[in-house]
Amino acid sequence: MLSGDWKAPPKGRSTPLAAERGVVVEDVETGWVGAVVRVEKAGGILVVHLEDRRGRTRAFPLGPGFHVDGRPVTLTRPQAAADARLSAARAAASRTASGSRAVADAPARVASASRIFVEGRHDAELVEKVWGHDLRIEGVVVEMLDGVDDLEAAIRDFAPGPGRRMGVLVDHLVAGTKETRVVDAASRLHPFAPHVLIVGHPYVDVWQSVRPERLGMERWPVIPRGTSWKHGICAHLGWAHDEQADIARAWKQILGTVRTYADLEPSLLGRVEELIDFVTAP
């Protein structure tokens, strides 16, 4: 007669039950019967909210002390929510900073003949942070031009042609600017024109392509003519700007706020994606 679980309560031992939305349970202590509507943390503990047939809701500590059809149960964290969180975490891990599907353990790829050129170091570092994984998978190298004043000479030096495309990202490419005139002339350069794509964003500097909310601003400030744009931005933010090292530190702070493509303005995102498509086309 002592064989088996002879110490078990008359109604049996409590079994675990996930507190999924809609599960109907009874609180043993109060007799409250209701359907689970949500589970949340309150006062440092997990509580389950039960809604009765009159629409009234009460909260109870998640755990033992409940019955389902007269049998004791221990309510546990809802599995569906846990699975959803796990799925979201896995999905996030499977994406690169640019939103592309991540390729794990890909072997190193020999650099392709095609290249993407940007104006300066800050542009290159931003492209690397968001699109670096994608570019390494494709074998595309990003190079710096140190400005576009002599873009035609840069094109001649690179000598683009079939299987050797050249993409160029230009700052402040808006109507009436010096950059527009330079790009118009370079885009017609014979015989390279069919193998060159020059695109630009409207910002004075690539700093401005970072969403201002990431720096606690509603919008980037307008810097008066005659004032260095970067120095003006640093002054507005209350950052040191007397020396070039101060400007470099300011950029590192701005770049540090960029986690994924969602932290950048669409007008830059579209142009970089356009360049990547161009230089990786068969």
Protein backbone atom coordinates (compact mmCIF):
# COMPACT_ATOMS: atom_id res chain seq x y z
CA MET A 1 0.00 0.00 0.00
CA LEU A 2 3.04 2.29 0.32
CA SER A 3 4.01 1.77 -3.29
CA GLY A 4 3.48 4.72 -5.65
CA ASP A 5 3.00 8.39 -4.72
CA TRP A 6 1.07 7.72 -1.50
CA LYS A 7 1.72 11.26 -0.18
CA ALA A 8 -0.05 12.91 -3.12
CA PRO A 9 -2.99 15.24 -2.21
CA PRO A 10 -6.51 13.93 -2.88
CA LYS A 11 -6.81 15.98 -6.08
CA GLY A 12 -3.33 15.04 -7.28
CA ARG A 13 -0.14 16.99 -7.47
CA SER A 14 0.01 20.35 -9.22
CA THR A 15 1.13 20.23 -12.84
CA PRO A 16 2.70 23.12 -14.77
CA LEU A 17 0.47 25.01 -17.21
CA ALA A 18 1.57 27.86 -19.47
CA ALA A 19 -0.52 30.97 -18.79
CA GLU A 20 -1.47 31.48 -22.42
CA ARG A 21 -4.11 34.07 -23.25
CA GLY A 22 -7.62 32.62 -22.97
CA VAL A 23 -6.81 29.78 -20.54
CA VAL A 24 -9.53 29.64 -17.85
CA VAL A 25 -8.39 28.95 -14.28
CA GLU A 26 -9.69 29.28 -10.74
CA ASP A 27 -7.73 30.90 -7.92
CA VAL A 28 -7.99 28.41 -5.06
CA GLU A 29 -7.75 30.96 -2.26
CA THR A 30 -10.43 33.39 -3.46
CA GLY A 31 -12.49 31.24 -5.79
CA TRP A 32 -12.03 33.79 -8.57
CA VAL A 33 -12.54 32.21 -11.99
CA GLY A 34 -11.31 33.96 -15.09
CA ALA A 35 -9.50 33.75 -18.39
CA VAL A 36 -5.87 34.78 -18.68
CA VAL A 37 -5.59 38.15 -20.43
CA ARG A 38 -1.91 38.90 -19.85
CA VAL A 39 1.18 38.19 -17.77
CA GLU A 40 3.45 41.01 -16.66
CA LYS A 41 5.99 41.97 -14.04
CA ALA A 42 4.65 44.13 -11.19
CA GLY A 43 6.42 44.95 -7.95
CA GLY A 44 9.30 42.72 -8.89
CA ILE A 45 7.17 39.59 -9.41
CA LEU A 46 5.29 38.08 -12.30
CA VAL A 47 1.52 38.38 -12.08
CA VAL A 48 -1.26 36.93 -14.18
CA HIS A 49 -4.40 38.95 -14.92
CA LEU A 50 -7.66 36.98 -14.96
CA GLU A 51 -10.89 38.35 -16.48
CA ASP A 52 -14.17 36.89 -15.24
CA ARG A 53 -17.39 36.50 -17.22
CA ARG A 54 -18.54 40.01 -16.23
CA GLY A 55 -15.40 41.61 -17.67
CA ARG A 56 -13.80 42.32 -14.29
CA THR A 57 -10.05 41.74 -14.00
CA ARG A 58 -7.90 40.79 -11.03
CA ALA A 59 -4.18 40.10 -10.75
CA PHE A 60 -2.66 37.07 -8.97
CA PRO A 61 0.96 35.98 -8.47
CA LEU A 62 2.07 33.65 -11.21
CA GLY A 63 2.79 30.18 -9.86
CA PRO A 64 0.88 27.54 -7.80
CA GLY A 65 -2.55 27.97 -6.27
CA PHE A 66 -4.83 27.51 -9.28
CA HIS A 67 -7.27 24.85 -10.47
CA VAL A 68 -8.33 23.82 -13.95
CA ASP A 69 -11.38 21.57 -14.00
CA GLY A 70 -10.75 20.82 -10.33
CA ARG A 71 -7.18 19.73 -10.85
CA PRO A 72 -4.29 21.78 -9.33
CA VAL A 73 -1.98 23.58 -11.72
CA THR A 74 1.04 25.86 -11.45
CA LEU A 75 0.83 28.72 -13.92
CA THR A 76 4.10 29.38 -15.74
CA ARG A 77 5.30 32.10 -18.09
CA PRO A 78 3.39 31.78 -21.38
CA GLN A 79 5.35 29.71 -23.84
CA ALA A 80 4.00 31.54 -26.89
CA ALA A 81 5.45 34.81 -25.66
CA ALA A 82 8.77 33.17 -24.85
CA ASP A 83 8.86 31.55 -28.28
CA ALA A 84 8.04 34.90 -29.91
CA ARG A 85 10.89 36.59 -28.07
CA LEU A 86 13.27 33.81 -29.05
CA SER A 87 12.11 34.01 -32.66
CA ALA A 88 12.59 37.78 -32.69
CA ALA A 89 16.07 37.45 -31.22
CA ARG A 90 17.01 34.84 -33.82
CA ALA A 91 15.60 37.01 -36.61
CA ALA A 92 17.59 40.01 -35.39
CA ALA A 93 20.75 37.93 -35.23
CA SER A 94 20.17 36.71 -38.77
CA ARG A 95 20.18 40.26 -40.16
CA THR A 96 23.09 42.59 -40.77
CA ALA A 97 23.14 46.26 -39.77
CA SER A 98 21.89 47.09 -43.27
CA GLY A 99 18.89 44.77 -42.88
CA SER A 100 20.25 42.11 -45.23
CA ARG A 101 20.23 38.43 -44.35
CA ALA A 102 23.47 37.61 -42.55
CA VAL A 103 25.74 34.97 -44.04
CA ALA A 104 27.52 33.09 -41.26
CA ASP A 105 31.00 31.59 -41.58
CA ALA A 106 31.40 32.76 -45.18
CA PRO A 107 34.94 32.25 -46.52
CA ALA A 108 37.01 35.33 -47.36
CA ARG A 109 36.31 36.51 -50.89
CA VAL A 110 38.87 37.99 -53.23
CA ALA A 111 38.12 41.67 -53.85
CA SER A 112 36.26 42.28 -57.08
CA ALA A 113 37.56 44.69 -59.70
CA SER A 114 34.62 47.04 -59.11
CA ARG A 115 34.87 49.67 -56.38
CA ILE A 116 32.79 52.18 -54.46
CA PHE A 117 34.38 55.57 -53.85
CA VAL A 118 33.34 58.04 -51.15
CA GLU A 119 34.57 61.56 -50.42
CA GLY A 120 36.32 61.05 -47.10
CA ARG A 121 37.06 59.01 -44.01
CA HIS A 122 33.79 59.70 -42.24
CA ASP A 123 31.78 58.54 -45.25
CA ALA A 124 33.87 55.37 -45.44
CA GLU A 125 33.48 54.61 -41.73
CA LEU A 126 29.71 55.04 -41.88
CA VAL A 127 29.39 52.79 -44.93
CA GLU A 128 31.58 50.20 -43.22
CA LYS A 129 29.52 50.22 -40.04
CA VAL A 130 26.18 49.67 -41.77
CA TRP A 131 27.08 47.83 -44.99
CA GLY A 132 30.46 46.32 -44.12
CA HIS A 133 29.21 42.73 -43.82
CA ASP A 134 27.38 42.93 -47.14
CA LEU A 135 30.35 44.43 -48.95
CA ARG A 136 32.77 41.78 -47.63
CA ILE A 137 30.41 39.03 -48.78
CA GLU A 138 30.34 40.62 -52.24
CA GLY A 139 34.07 41.33 -52.27
CA VAL A 140 33.54 45.08 -52.81
CA VAL A 141 36.15 47.53 -51.50
CA VAL A 142 35.33 51.12 -50.49
CA GLU A 143 37.97 53.72 -51.29
CA MET A 144 38.31 57.41 -50.37
CA LEU A 145 38.63 60.25 -52.87
CA ASP A 146 39.55 63.09 -50.50
CA GLY A 147 36.89 65.27 -52.12
CA VAL A 148 35.43 65.39 -55.64
CA ASP A 149 37.05 68.55 -57.00
CA ASP A 150 39.06 66.43 -59.46
CA LEU A 151 36.58 63.61 -59.97
CA GLU A 152 37.39 63.29 -63.67
CA ALA A 153 41.02 62.56 -62.86
CA ALA A 154 39.94 59.92 -60.31
CA ILE A 155 37.82 58.23 -62.97
CA ARG A 156 40.67 58.23 -65.47
CA ASP A 157 43.04 56.78 -62.86
CA PHE A 158 40.63 53.96 -62.01
CA ALA A 159 39.81 53.36 -65.69
CA PRO A 160 36.42 51.65 -65.28
CA GLY A 161 35.22 49.30 -67.99
CA PRO A 162 33.37 46.00 -68.52
CA GLY A 163 33.65 44.00 -65.29
CA ARG A 164 35.29 46.94 -63.55
CA ARG A 165 32.56 49.30 -62.45
CA MET A 166 33.00 52.46 -60.43
CA GLY A 167 30.38 53.79 -58.01
CA VAL A 168 30.79 57.21 -56.43
CA LEU A 169 28.93 58.72 -53.45
CA VAL A 170 29.00 62.54 -53.35
CA ASP A 171 28.11 64.84 -50.45
CA HIS A 172 25.77 67.82 -50.88
CA LEU A 173 24.64 66.94 -54.40
CA VAL A 174 21.85 69.50 -54.84
CA ALA A 175 20.95 71.80 -57.71
CA GLY A 176 23.16 74.82 -58.22
CA THR A 177 26.14 73.60 -56.20
CA LYS A 178 29.73 73.09 -57.27
CA GLU A 179 29.27 69.36 -56.70
CA THR A 180 26.48 69.22 -59.29
CA ARG A 181 28.64 70.83 -61.95
CA VAL A 182 31.53 68.48 -61.19
CA VAL A 183 29.29 65.41 -61.34
CA ASP A 184 27.60 66.49 -64.59
CA ALA A 185 30.96 66.76 -66.32
CA ALA A 186 32.36 63.53 -64.85
CA SER A 187 29.24 61.55 -65.77
CA ARG A 188 29.85 62.25 -69.48
CA LEU A 189 33.52 61.32 -69.47
CA HIS A 190 34.29 59.15 -72.53
CA PRO A 191 34.80 56.17 -72.76
CA PHE A 192 34.14 55.46 -69.08
CA ALA A 193 30.61 56.83 -68.66
CA PRO A 194 28.69 53.53 -69.18
CA HIS A 195 30.67 51.92 -66.36
CA VAL A 196 30.39 54.74 -63.81
CA LEU A 197 27.49 55.60 -61.50
CA ILE A 198 27.68 58.81 -59.50
CA VAL A 199 24.98 59.46 -56.92
CA GLY A 200 24.73 61.83 -53.99
CA HIS A 201 22.86 62.82 -50.89
CA PRO A 202 21.62 66.33 -50.08
CA TYR A 203 23.51 66.77 -46.80
CA VAL A 204 26.33 69.25 -46.26
CA ASP A 205 28.26 66.43 -44.62
CA VAL A 206 27.60 62.76 -44.03
CA TRP A 207 27.17 63.59 -40.32
CA GLN A 208 23.78 65.00 -41.26
CA SER A 209 22.61 61.66 -42.65
CA VAL A 210 22.40 60.32 -39.09
CA ARG A 211 18.89 60.84 -37.75
CA PRO A 212 18.98 63.83 -35.37
CA GLU A 213 16.88 61.93 -32.82
CA ARG A 214 19.87 59.70 -32.17
CA LEU A 215 21.63 62.79 -30.77
CA GLY A 216 18.65 64.11 -28.83
CA MET A 217 17.71 66.73 -31.44
CA GLU A 218 14.51 67.26 -33.39
CA ARG A 219 16.49 68.44 -36.41
CA TRP A 220 20.02 69.31 -37.39
CA PRO A 221 20.70 73.01 -36.77
CA VAL A 222 21.31 75.50 -39.58
CA ILE A 223 24.89 76.78 -39.36
CA PRO A 224 25.39 80.41 -40.50
CA ARG A 225 27.53 81.09 -43.57
CA GLY A 226 31.11 81.82 -42.69
CA THR A 227 31.13 79.29 -39.86
CA SER A 228 32.70 75.87 -40.35
CA TRP A 229 29.77 73.47 -40.49
CA LYS A 230 31.33 70.81 -38.26
CA HIS A 231 32.56 73.40 -35.75
CA GLY A 232 29.08 74.89 -35.68
CA ILE A 233 27.48 71.51 -35.02
CA CYS A 234 29.91 70.78 -32.18
CA ALA A 235 29.21 74.19 -30.64
CA HIS A 236 25.46 73.56 -30.86
CA LEU A 237 25.87 70.21 -29.10
CA GLY A 238 28.16 71.70 -26.46
CA TRP A 239 31.16 69.68 -27.58
CA ALA A 240 34.77 70.84 -27.80
CA HIS A 241 35.75 71.97 -31.30
CA ASP A 242 38.98 73.96 -31.04
CA GLU A 243 41.24 71.33 -32.59
CA GLN A 244 40.97 68.71 -35.32
CA ALA A 245 41.16 66.03 -32.62
CA ASP A 246 37.96 67.49 -31.14
CA ILE A 247 36.20 67.13 -34.50
CA ALA A 248 37.42 63.54 -34.78
CA ARG A 249 36.05 62.74 -31.31
CA ALA A 250 32.75 64.38 -32.20
CA TRP A 251 32.39 62.15 -35.25
CA LYS A 252 33.15 59.06 -33.16
CA GLN A 253 30.34 60.07 -30.80
CA ILE A 254 27.94 60.51 -33.70
CA LEU A 255 29.02 57.26 -35.38
CA GLY A 256 28.58 55.47 -32.04
CA THR A 257 24.85 56.27 -32.10
CA VAL A 258 24.41 54.38 -35.37
CA ARG A 259 23.42 50.76 -34.79
CA THR A 260 21.54 49.81 -37.98
CA TYR A 261 20.23 51.32 -41.19
CA ALA A 262 17.20 52.56 -39.23
CA ASP A 263 19.41 55.24 -37.65
CA LEU A 264 20.15 56.80 -41.04
CA GLU A 265 18.08 59.01 -43.33
CA PRO A 266 16.39 57.24 -46.28
CA SER A 267 18.00 59.61 -48.79
CA LEU A 268 21.42 58.17 -47.92
CA LEU A 269 20.23 54.56 -47.60
CA GLY A 270 18.78 54.54 -51.11
CA ARG A 271 21.91 55.96 -52.69
CA VAL A 272 24.29 53.47 -51.04
CA GLU A 273 22.05 50.53 -51.92
CA GLU A 274 21.94 51.82 -55.49
CA LEU A 275 25.74 51.87 -55.66
CA ILE A 276 26.04 48.35 -54.20
CA ASP A 277 23.56 47.02 -56.78
CA PHE A 278 25.47 48.76 -59.57
CA VAL A 279 28.95 47.46 -58.71
CA THR A 280 27.75 43.91 -57.95
CA ALA A 281 25.60 43.47 -61.05
CA PRO A 282 26.72 40.58 -63.29
